[in-house]
Amino acid sequence: MGTPISLDLADDLPAERSHELAEDVFGWLREVDARFSTYREDSEVRRFDRGELLLSEASADLRLVLERCADLWGSTDGFFDAYATGGLDPSGYVKGWAAQVASDRLLAAGAGNHCLNAGGDVRVRGLSSSGRPWRVGVRHPWDPHATCLVVTGTDLAVATSGVYERGHHVRDPRRGAPARGLRSVTVVGPDLGVADAYATAAVAMGVAGIGWLDRLPGYRHAVITEDGRCLHSAHLPLGE
């Protein structure tokens, strides 16, 4: 998926079992990359976009992702748009969704204490190896070596979308131009795919995205504007 991925298994498991679980996670993520990469000409999502693959011929995963993206387009008033760049690119949902599925699999396999970080989209469950809730640092949007806040918890999905690494790559689908106004948006909630999409949609909305985030049920947020203001939900689980 063009991004570094790390996994911390905090359960006291035999080394062989931990290795097996990790291999299952990374195997699944490699499968997702092969299917959904917009950089690989032979990926399923590219073949579907070119009309070489009918929806009836698509994998269950691709059909599910297309359905979720359509739902998110509706729930974000069109600001989460898998076709915003002209062609099909569901990456704003896929990365978080894939990590969420991997975390769900770990939980079902008995590894209830873990942290999966897919390029800044993080799913934590249970406790860290120290026996304490996980601490998830959110990168400072002007200093790559610093954090601007820390979120803590035992069952959290934390997704961040911003313009500090790839520039203004998120497009406002209504104007057909790069979105402006928000430097970084972090969304925290129960599902990483949804949190990822919401963060992307809020960036696309610009400053209006702040009020939209305030009205989302079940999800909390932290926003840094391009003029340096830091705003966040009243009950965001912040650490010291």
C-alpha atoms as a PDB file:
ATOM      1  CA  MET A   1       0.000   0.000   0.000  1.00  0.00           C
ATOM      2  CA  GLY A   2       3.020   2.245  -0.345  1.00  0.00           C
ATOM      3  CA  THR A   3       3.258   2.837   3.383  1.00  0.00           C
ATOM      4  CA  PRO A   4       5.171   1.340   6.332  1.00  0.00           C
ATOM      5  CA  ILE A   5       3.188  -1.066   8.498  1.00  0.00           C
ATOM      6  CA  SER A   6       4.102  -2.206  12.009  1.00  0.00           C
ATOM      7  CA  LEU A   7       2.525  -4.704  14.375  1.00  0.00           C
ATOM      8  CA  ASP A   8       3.002  -4.966  18.148  1.00  0.00           C
ATOM      9  CA  LEU A   9       1.629  -8.171  19.681  1.00  0.00           C
ATOM     10  CA  ALA A  10       1.503  -7.639  23.449  1.00  0.00           C
ATOM     11  CA  ASP A  11       0.061 -11.000  24.516  1.00  0.00           C
ATOM     12  CA  ASP A  12       2.343 -13.487  26.255  1.00  0.00           C
ATOM     13  CA  LEU A  13       2.334 -16.030  23.439  1.00  0.00           C
ATOM     14  CA  PRO A  14       4.913 -18.580  22.281  1.00  0.00           C
ATOM     15  CA  ALA A  15       7.252 -17.103  19.684  1.00  0.00           C
ATOM     16  CA  GLU A  16       6.033 -19.549  17.053  1.00  0.00           C
ATOM     17  CA  ARG A  17       2.404 -18.520  17.599  1.00  0.00           C
ATOM     18  CA  SER A  18       3.272 -14.813  17.484  1.00  0.00           C
ATOM     19  CA  HIS A  19       5.149 -15.360  14.226  1.00  0.00           C
ATOM     20  CA  GLU A  20       2.164 -17.240  12.793  1.00  0.00           C
ATOM     21  CA  LEU A  21      -0.225 -14.440  13.721  1.00  0.00           C
ATOM     22  CA  ALA A  22       2.066 -11.788  12.280  1.00  0.00           C
ATOM     23  CA  GLU A  23       2.444 -13.718   9.037  1.00  0.00           C
ATOM     24  CA  ASP A  24      -1.339 -13.924   8.745  1.00  0.00           C
ATOM     25  CA  VAL A  25      -1.641 -10.141   9.190  1.00  0.00           C
ATOM     26  CA  PHE A  26       1.046  -9.254   6.673  1.00  0.00           C
ATOM     27  CA  GLY A  27      -0.191 -11.902   4.242  1.00  0.00           C
ATOM     28  CA  TRP A  28      -3.647 -10.340   4.323  1.00  0.00           C
ATOM     29  CA  LEU A  29      -2.241  -6.843   3.804  1.00  0.00           C
ATOM     30  CA  ARG A  30      -0.154  -8.039   0.847  1.00  0.00           C
ATOM     31  CA  GLU A  31      -3.321  -9.571  -0.614  1.00  0.00           C
ATOM     32  CA  VAL A  32      -5.145  -6.251  -0.196  1.00  0.00           C
ATOM     33  CA  ASP A  33      -2.260  -4.403  -1.842  1.00  0.00           C
ATOM     34  CA  ALA A  34      -2.300  -6.741  -4.838  1.00  0.00           C
ATOM     35  CA  ARG A  35      -6.067  -6.306  -5.241  1.00  0.00           C
ATOM     36  CA  PHE A  36      -6.515  -2.598  -4.572  1.00  0.00           C
ATOM     37  CA  SER A  37      -3.246  -0.915  -5.589  1.00  0.00           C
ATOM     38  CA  THR A  38      -3.803   1.976  -7.985  1.00  0.00           C
ATOM     39  CA  TYR A  39      -0.123   1.741  -9.004  1.00  0.00           C
ATOM     40  CA  ARG A  40      -0.240  -1.846 -10.292  1.00  0.00           C
ATOM     41  CA  GLU A  41      -1.688  -2.229 -13.763  1.00  0.00           C
ATOM     42  CA  ASP A  42      -2.763  -5.815 -13.020  1.00  0.00           C
ATOM     43  CA  SER A  43      -4.593  -5.044  -9.750  1.00  0.00           C
ATOM     44  CA  GLU A  44      -8.270  -5.881  -9.577  1.00  0.00           C
ATOM     45  CA  VAL A  45      -9.271  -2.292  -8.891  1.00  0.00           C
ATOM     46  CA  ARG A  46      -7.385  -1.051 -11.984  1.00  0.00           C
ATOM     47  CA  ARG A  47      -8.868  -3.762 -14.199  1.00  0.00           C
ATOM     48  CA  PHE A  48     -12.347  -2.909 -12.914  1.00  0.00           C
ATOM     49  CA  ASP A  49     -11.766   0.798 -13.527  1.00  0.00           C
ATOM     50  CA  ARG A  50     -10.684   0.093 -17.113  1.00  0.00           C
ATOM     51  CA  GLY A  51     -13.828  -1.933 -17.728  1.00  0.00           C
ATOM     52  CA  GLU A  52     -11.963  -5.209 -18.098  1.00  0.00           C
ATOM     53  CA  LEU A  53     -13.792  -6.737 -15.127  1.00  0.00           C
ATOM     54  CA  LEU A  54     -17.537  -6.743 -14.564  1.00  0.00           C
ATOM     55  CA  LEU A  55     -18.944  -6.134 -11.097  1.00  0.00           C
ATOM     56  CA  SER A  56     -20.452  -9.623 -11.207  1.00  0.00           C
ATOM     57  CA  GLU A  57     -16.937 -10.994 -11.791  1.00  0.00           C
ATOM     58  CA  ALA A  58     -15.299  -8.970  -9.013  1.00  0.00           C
ATOM     59  CA  SER A  59     -14.116 -10.468  -5.733  1.00  0.00           C
ATOM     60  CA  ALA A  60     -16.298 -10.240  -2.648  1.00  0.00           C
ATOM     61  CA  ASP A  61     -13.761  -7.801  -1.139  1.00  0.00           C
ATOM     62  CA  LEU A  62     -13.949  -5.422  -4.098  1.00  0.00           C
ATOM     63  CA  ARG A  63     -17.741  -5.506  -4.131  1.00  0.00           C
ATOM     64  CA  LEU A  64     -17.785  -4.815  -0.380  1.00  0.00           C
ATOM     65  CA  VAL A  65     -15.383  -1.875  -0.698  1.00  0.00           C
ATOM     66  CA  LEU A  66     -17.366  -0.359  -3.573  1.00  0.00           C
ATOM     67  CA  GLU A  67     -20.553  -0.646  -1.516  1.00  0.00           C
ATOM     68  CA  ARG A  68     -18.921   0.944   1.542  1.00  0.00           C
ATOM     69  CA  CYS A  69     -17.479   3.776  -0.555  1.00  0.00           C
ATOM     70  CA  ALA A  70     -20.928   4.454  -2.019  1.00  0.00           C
ATOM     71  CA  ASP A  71     -22.393   4.573   1.504  1.00  0.00           C
ATOM     72  CA  LEU A  72     -19.638   6.928   2.643  1.00  0.00           C
ATOM     73  CA  TRP A  73     -20.205   9.171  -0.367  1.00  0.00           C
ATOM     74  CA  GLY A  74     -23.786   9.556   0.811  1.00  0.00           C
ATOM     75  CA  SER A  75     -23.019  10.032   4.500  1.00  0.00           C
ATOM     76  CA  THR A  76     -20.354  12.686   3.771  1.00  0.00           C
ATOM     77  CA  ASP A  77     -22.540  14.615   1.309  1.00  0.00           C
ATOM     78  CA  GLY A  78     -20.212  13.617  -1.513  1.00  0.00           C
ATOM     79  CA  PHE A  79     -16.978  14.808   0.088  1.00  0.00           C
ATOM     80  CA  PHE A  80     -15.631  11.278   0.381  1.00  0.00           C
ATOM     81  CA  ASP A  81     -15.495  10.386  -3.293  1.00  0.00           C
ATOM     82  CA  ALA A  82     -13.590   7.353  -4.568  1.00  0.00           C
ATOM     83  CA  TYR A  83     -13.721   8.968  -8.029  1.00  0.00           C
ATOM     84  CA  ALA A  84     -12.498  12.414  -6.926  1.00  0.00           C
ATOM     85  CA  THR A  85      -9.338  12.127  -9.026  1.00  0.00           C
ATOM     86  CA  GLY A  86     -11.208  11.019 -12.141  1.00  0.00           C
ATOM     87  CA  GLY A  87     -10.575   7.276 -11.914  1.00  0.00           C
ATOM     88  CA  LEU A  88     -11.519   4.791  -9.219  1.00  0.00           C
ATOM     89  CA  ASP A  89      -9.303   5.173  -6.148  1.00  0.00           C
ATOM     90  CA  PRO A  90     -10.802   3.766  -2.928  1.00  0.00           C
ATOM     91  CA  SER A  91      -7.494   4.108  -1.033  1.00  0.00           C
ATOM     92  CA  GLY A  92      -9.007   6.592   1.425  1.00  0.00           C
ATOM     93  CA  TYR A  93     -11.113   3.755   2.782  1.00  0.00           C
ATOM     94  CA  VAL A  94      -9.127   0.627   1.890  1.00  0.00           C
ATOM     95  CA  LYS A  95      -6.074   1.168   4.081  1.00  0.00           C
ATOM     96  CA  GLY A  96      -8.100   1.663   7.261  1.00  0.00           C
ATOM     97  CA  TRP A  97     -10.517  -1.116   6.337  1.00  0.00           C
ATOM     98  CA  ALA A  98      -7.688  -3.590   5.705  1.00  0.00           C
ATOM     99  CA  ALA A  99      -6.054  -2.791   9.051  1.00  0.00           C
ATOM    100  CA  GLN A 100      -9.422  -3.062  10.816  1.00  0.00           C
ATOM    101  CA  VAL A 101     -10.004  -6.520   9.295  1.00  0.00           C
ATOM    102  CA  ALA A 102      -6.501  -7.592  10.349  1.00  0.00           C
ATOM    103  CA  SER A 103      -7.149  -6.410  13.905  1.00  0.00           C
ATOM    104  CA  ASP A 104     -10.496  -8.223  13.976  1.00  0.00           C
ATOM    105  CA  ARG A 105      -8.732 -11.411  12.890  1.00  0.00           C
ATOM    106  CA  LEU A 106      -6.145 -11.054  15.629  1.00  0.00           C
ATOM    107  CA  LEU A 107      -8.871 -10.584  18.223  1.00  0.00           C
ATOM    108  CA  ALA A 108     -10.725 -13.666  16.961  1.00  0.00           C
ATOM    109  CA  ALA A 109      -7.482 -15.667  17.115  1.00  0.00           C
ATOM    110  CA  GLY A 110      -6.995 -14.846  20.790  1.00  0.00           C
ATOM    111  CA  ALA A 111      -4.504 -11.984  20.429  1.00  0.00           C
ATOM    112  CA  GLY A 112      -6.593  -9.400  22.234  1.00  0.00           C
ATOM    113  CA  ASN A 113      -3.713  -7.057  23.073  1.00  0.00           C
ATOM    114  CA  HIS A 114      -2.145  -5.526  19.998  1.00  0.00           C
ATOM    115  CA  CYS A 115      -1.365  -2.370  18.057  1.00  0.00           C
ATOM    116  CA  LEU A 116      -1.411  -2.288  14.258  1.00  0.00           C
ATOM    117  CA  ASN A 117      -0.077   0.853  12.593  1.00  0.00           C
ATOM    118  CA  ALA A 118      -0.656   1.196   8.859  1.00  0.00           C
ATOM    119  CA  GLY A 119       1.102   4.390   7.888  1.00  0.00           C
ATOM    120  CA  GLY A 120      -0.393   6.437  10.711  1.00  0.00           C
ATOM    121  CA  ASP A 121      -3.788   4.739  10.712  1.00  0.00           C
ATOM    122  CA  VAL A 122      -3.718   2.845  14.008  1.00  0.00           C
ATOM    123  CA  ARG A 123      -5.929   0.142  15.559  1.00  0.00           C
ATOM    124  CA  VAL A 124      -5.256  -0.707  19.199  1.00  0.00           C
ATOM    125  CA  ARG A 125      -6.900  -3.275  21.424  1.00  0.00           C
ATOM    126  CA  GLY A 126      -6.368  -4.316  25.019  1.00  0.00           C
ATOM    127  CA  LEU A 127      -3.191  -3.271  26.809  1.00  0.00           C
ATOM    128  CA  SER A 128       0.402  -2.684  25.781  1.00  0.00           C
ATOM    129  CA  SER A 129       3.220  -4.929  27.015  1.00  0.00           C
ATOM    130  CA  SER A 130       3.606  -2.548  29.967  1.00  0.00           C
ATOM    131  CA  GLY A 131       0.098  -3.443  31.110  1.00  0.00           C
ATOM    132  CA  ARG A 132      -1.162   0.063  30.412  1.00  0.00           C
ATOM    133  CA  PRO A 133      -3.553   1.445  27.777  1.00  0.00           C
ATOM    134  CA  TRP A 134      -1.969   2.130  24.401  1.00  0.00           C
ATOM    135  CA  ARG A 135      -0.669   5.616  23.654  1.00  0.00           C
ATOM    136  CA  VAL A 136      -1.021   6.758  20.041  1.00  0.00           C
ATOM    137  CA  GLY A 137       0.931   9.847  19.090  1.00  0.00           C
ATOM    138  CA  VAL A 138      -0.392  12.118  16.334  1.00  0.00           C
ATOM    139  CA  ARG A 139       2.379  13.642  14.264  1.00  0.00           C
ATOM    140  CA  HIS A 140       2.921  17.371  14.456  1.00  0.00           C
ATOM    141  CA  PRO A 141       1.997  18.726  11.013  1.00  0.00           C
ATOM    142  CA  TRP A 142       5.010  21.046  10.833  1.00  0.00           C
ATOM    143  CA  ASP A 143       7.608  18.984  12.722  1.00  0.00           C
ATOM    144  CA  PRO A 144       8.060  15.343  11.596  1.00  0.00           C
ATOM    145  CA  HIS A 145      10.014  14.580  14.783  1.00  0.00           C
ATOM    146  CA  ALA A 146       7.316  15.730  17.219  1.00  0.00           C
ATOM    147  CA  THR A 147       3.753  14.870  18.213  1.00  0.00           C
ATOM    148  CA  CYS A 148       1.002  17.435  18.646  1.00  0.00           C
ATOM    149  CA  LEU A 149      -1.159  15.239  20.884  1.00  0.00           C
ATOM    150  CA  VAL A 150      -1.418  11.709  22.273  1.00  0.00           C
ATOM    151  CA  VAL A 151      -4.586   9.595  22.284  1.00  0.00           C
ATOM    152  CA  THR A 152      -4.902   6.772  24.824  1.00  0.00           C
ATOM    153  CA  GLY A 153      -7.206   3.783  25.053  1.00  0.00           C
ATOM    154  CA  THR A 154      -7.767   0.037  25.020  1.00  0.00           C
ATOM    155  CA  ASP A 155     -10.084  -0.221  22.003  1.00  0.00           C
ATOM    156  CA  LEU A 156      -9.566   2.600  19.532  1.00  0.00           C
ATOM    157  CA  ALA A 157      -9.260   3.245  15.822  1.00  0.00           C
ATOM    158  CA  VAL A 158      -7.185   6.366  15.135  1.00  0.00           C
ATOM    159  CA  ALA A 159      -6.940   7.690  11.571  1.00  0.00           C
ATOM    160  CA  THR A 160      -5.175  10.838  10.402  1.00  0.00           C
ATOM    161  CA  SER A 161      -5.377  12.597   7.058  1.00  0.00           C
ATOM    162  CA  GLY A 162      -3.216  15.601   6.305  1.00  0.00           C
ATOM    163  CA  VAL A 163      -1.310  17.596   3.728  1.00  0.00           C
ATOM    164  CA  TYR A 164       2.096  17.665   5.433  1.00  0.00           C
ATOM    165  CA  GLU A 165       3.665  14.746   3.527  1.00  0.00           C
ATOM    166  CA  ARG A 166       2.042  14.635   0.085  1.00  0.00           C
ATOM    167  CA  GLY A 167       0.986  18.258  -0.189  1.00  0.00           C
ATOM    168  CA  HIS A 168      -2.606  19.181  -0.961  1.00  0.00           C
ATOM    169  CA  HIS A 169      -3.411  15.773  -2.472  1.00  0.00           C
ATOM    170  CA  VAL A 170      -6.992  15.608  -1.138  1.00  0.00           C
ATOM    171  CA  ARG A 171      -9.375  17.204  -3.629  1.00  0.00           C
ATOM    172  CA  ASP A 172     -12.542  19.127  -2.945  1.00  0.00           C
ATOM    173  CA  PRO A 173     -14.901  17.215  -5.275  1.00  0.00           C
ATOM    174  CA  ARG A 174     -17.223  20.202  -5.631  1.00  0.00           C
ATOM    175  CA  ARG A 175     -14.555  22.608  -6.815  1.00  0.00           C
ATOM    176  CA  GLY A 176     -12.429  19.975  -8.528  1.00  0.00           C
ATOM    177  CA  ALA A 177      -9.380  21.519  -6.880  1.00  0.00           C
ATOM    178  CA  PRO A 178      -7.062  20.691  -3.959  1.00  0.00           C
ATOM    179  CA  ALA A 179      -8.751  21.176  -0.588  1.00  0.00           C
ATOM    180  CA  ARG A 180      -7.517  24.039   1.601  1.00  0.00           C
ATOM    181  CA  GLY A 181      -7.963  25.136   5.200  1.00  0.00           C
ATOM    182  CA  LEU A 182      -7.063  22.090   7.285  1.00  0.00           C
ATOM    183  CA  ARG A 183      -3.510  20.927   7.810  1.00  0.00           C
ATOM    184  CA  SER A 184      -4.333  17.730   9.710  1.00  0.00           C
ATOM    185  CA  VAL A 185      -7.481  15.842  10.742  1.00  0.00           C
ATOM    186  CA  THR A 186      -7.477  12.924  13.193  1.00  0.00           C
ATOM    187  CA  VAL A 187     -10.643  10.895  13.735  1.00  0.00           C
ATOM    188  CA  VAL A 188     -11.021   8.432  16.621  1.00  0.00           C
ATOM    189  CA  GLY A 189     -13.754   5.815  16.873  1.00  0.00           C
ATOM    190  CA  PRO A 190     -14.629   2.113  16.693  1.00  0.00           C
ATOM    191  CA  ASP A 191     -13.922   1.375  13.003  1.00  0.00           C
ATOM    192  CA  LEU A 192     -10.664   2.309  11.276  1.00  0.00           C
ATOM    193  CA  GLY A 193     -11.988   2.212   7.715  1.00  0.00           C
ATOM    194  CA  VAL A 194     -14.794   4.622   8.574  1.00  0.00           C
ATOM    195  CA  ALA A 195     -12.472   6.845  10.639  1.00  0.00           C
ATOM    196  CA  ASP A 196     -10.034   6.970   7.702  1.00  0.00           C
ATOM    197  CA  ALA A 197     -12.784   7.984   5.283  1.00  0.00           C
ATOM    198  CA  TYR A 198     -14.192  10.586   7.680  1.00  0.00           C
ATOM    199  CA  ALA A 199     -10.749  12.155   8.124  1.00  0.00           C
ATOM    200  CA  THR A 200     -10.298  12.354   4.345  1.00  0.00           C
ATOM    201  CA  ALA A 201     -13.780  13.833   3.884  1.00  0.00           C
ATOM    202  CA  ALA A 202     -13.158  16.495   6.532  1.00  0.00           C
ATOM    203  CA  VAL A 203      -9.919  17.561   4.845  1.00  0.00           C
ATOM    204  CA  ALA A 204     -11.821  17.799   1.558  1.00  0.00           C
ATOM    205  CA  MET A 205     -14.432  20.045   3.205  1.00  0.00           C
ATOM    206  CA  GLY A 206     -11.848  22.508   4.462  1.00  0.00           C
ATOM    207  CA  VAL A 207     -12.713  24.598   7.516  1.00  0.00           C
ATOM    208  CA  ALA A 208     -16.386  23.600   7.176  1.00  0.00           C
ATOM    209  CA  GLY A 209     -15.267  20.075   8.038  1.00  0.00           C
ATOM    210  CA  ILE A 210     -14.789  21.084  11.683  1.00  0.00           C
ATOM    211  CA  GLY A 211     -18.500  21.629  12.251  1.00  0.00           C
ATOM    212  CA  TRP A 212     -19.326  18.468  10.318  1.00  0.00           C
ATOM    213  CA  LEU A 213     -17.000  16.428  12.527  1.00  0.00           C
ATOM    214  CA  ASP A 214     -18.673  17.863  15.639  1.00  0.00           C
ATOM    215  CA  ARG A 215     -21.964  16.294  14.546  1.00  0.00           C
ATOM    216  CA  LEU A 216     -20.662  12.771  13.888  1.00  0.00           C
ATOM    217  CA  PRO A 217     -22.131  10.202  16.306  1.00  0.00           C
ATOM    218  CA  GLY A 218     -19.656   7.763  17.839  1.00  0.00           C
ATOM    219  CA  TYR A 219     -16.514   9.460  16.509  1.00  0.00           C
ATOM    220  CA  ARG A 220     -14.264  12.148  18.003  1.00  0.00           C
ATOM    221  CA  HIS A 221     -11.652  14.292  16.352  1.00  0.00           C
ATOM    222  CA  ALA A 222      -8.694  16.635  16.525  1.00  0.00           C
ATOM    223  CA  VAL A 223      -8.058  19.218  13.835  1.00  0.00           C
ATOM    224  CA  ILE A 224      -5.128  21.490  13.073  1.00  0.00           C
ATOM    225  CA  THR A 225      -5.913  24.330  10.699  1.00  0.00           C
ATOM    226  CA  GLU A 226      -3.481  25.761   8.187  1.00  0.00           C
ATOM    227  CA  ASP A 227      -3.169  28.876  10.352  1.00  0.00           C
ATOM    228  CA  GLY A 228      -2.022  26.754  13.321  1.00  0.00           C
ATOM    229  CA  ARG A 229      -5.149  26.418  15.468  1.00  0.00           C
ATOM    230  CA  CYS A 230      -5.651  23.090  17.281  1.00  0.00           C
ATOM    231  CA  LEU A 231      -9.272  22.118  17.950  1.00  0.00           C
ATOM    232  CA  HIS A 232     -10.600  18.840  19.310  1.00  0.00           C
ATOM    233  CA  SER A 233     -13.698  17.099  20.663  1.00  0.00           C
ATOM    234  CA  ALA A 234     -14.473  17.689  24.307  1.00  0.00           C
ATOM    235  CA  HIS A 235     -14.229  13.975  25.183  1.00  0.00           C
ATOM    236  CA  LEU A 236     -11.275  12.990  23.027  1.00  0.00           C
ATOM    237  CA  PRO A 237      -9.279  10.469  25.151  1.00  0.00           C
ATOM    238  CA  LEU A 238      -6.062  12.457  25.414  1.00  0.00           C
ATOM    239  CA  GLY A 239      -2.981  11.307  27.311  1.00  0.00           C
ATOM    240  CA  GLU A 240      -0.500  13.480  29.096  1.00  0.00           C
END
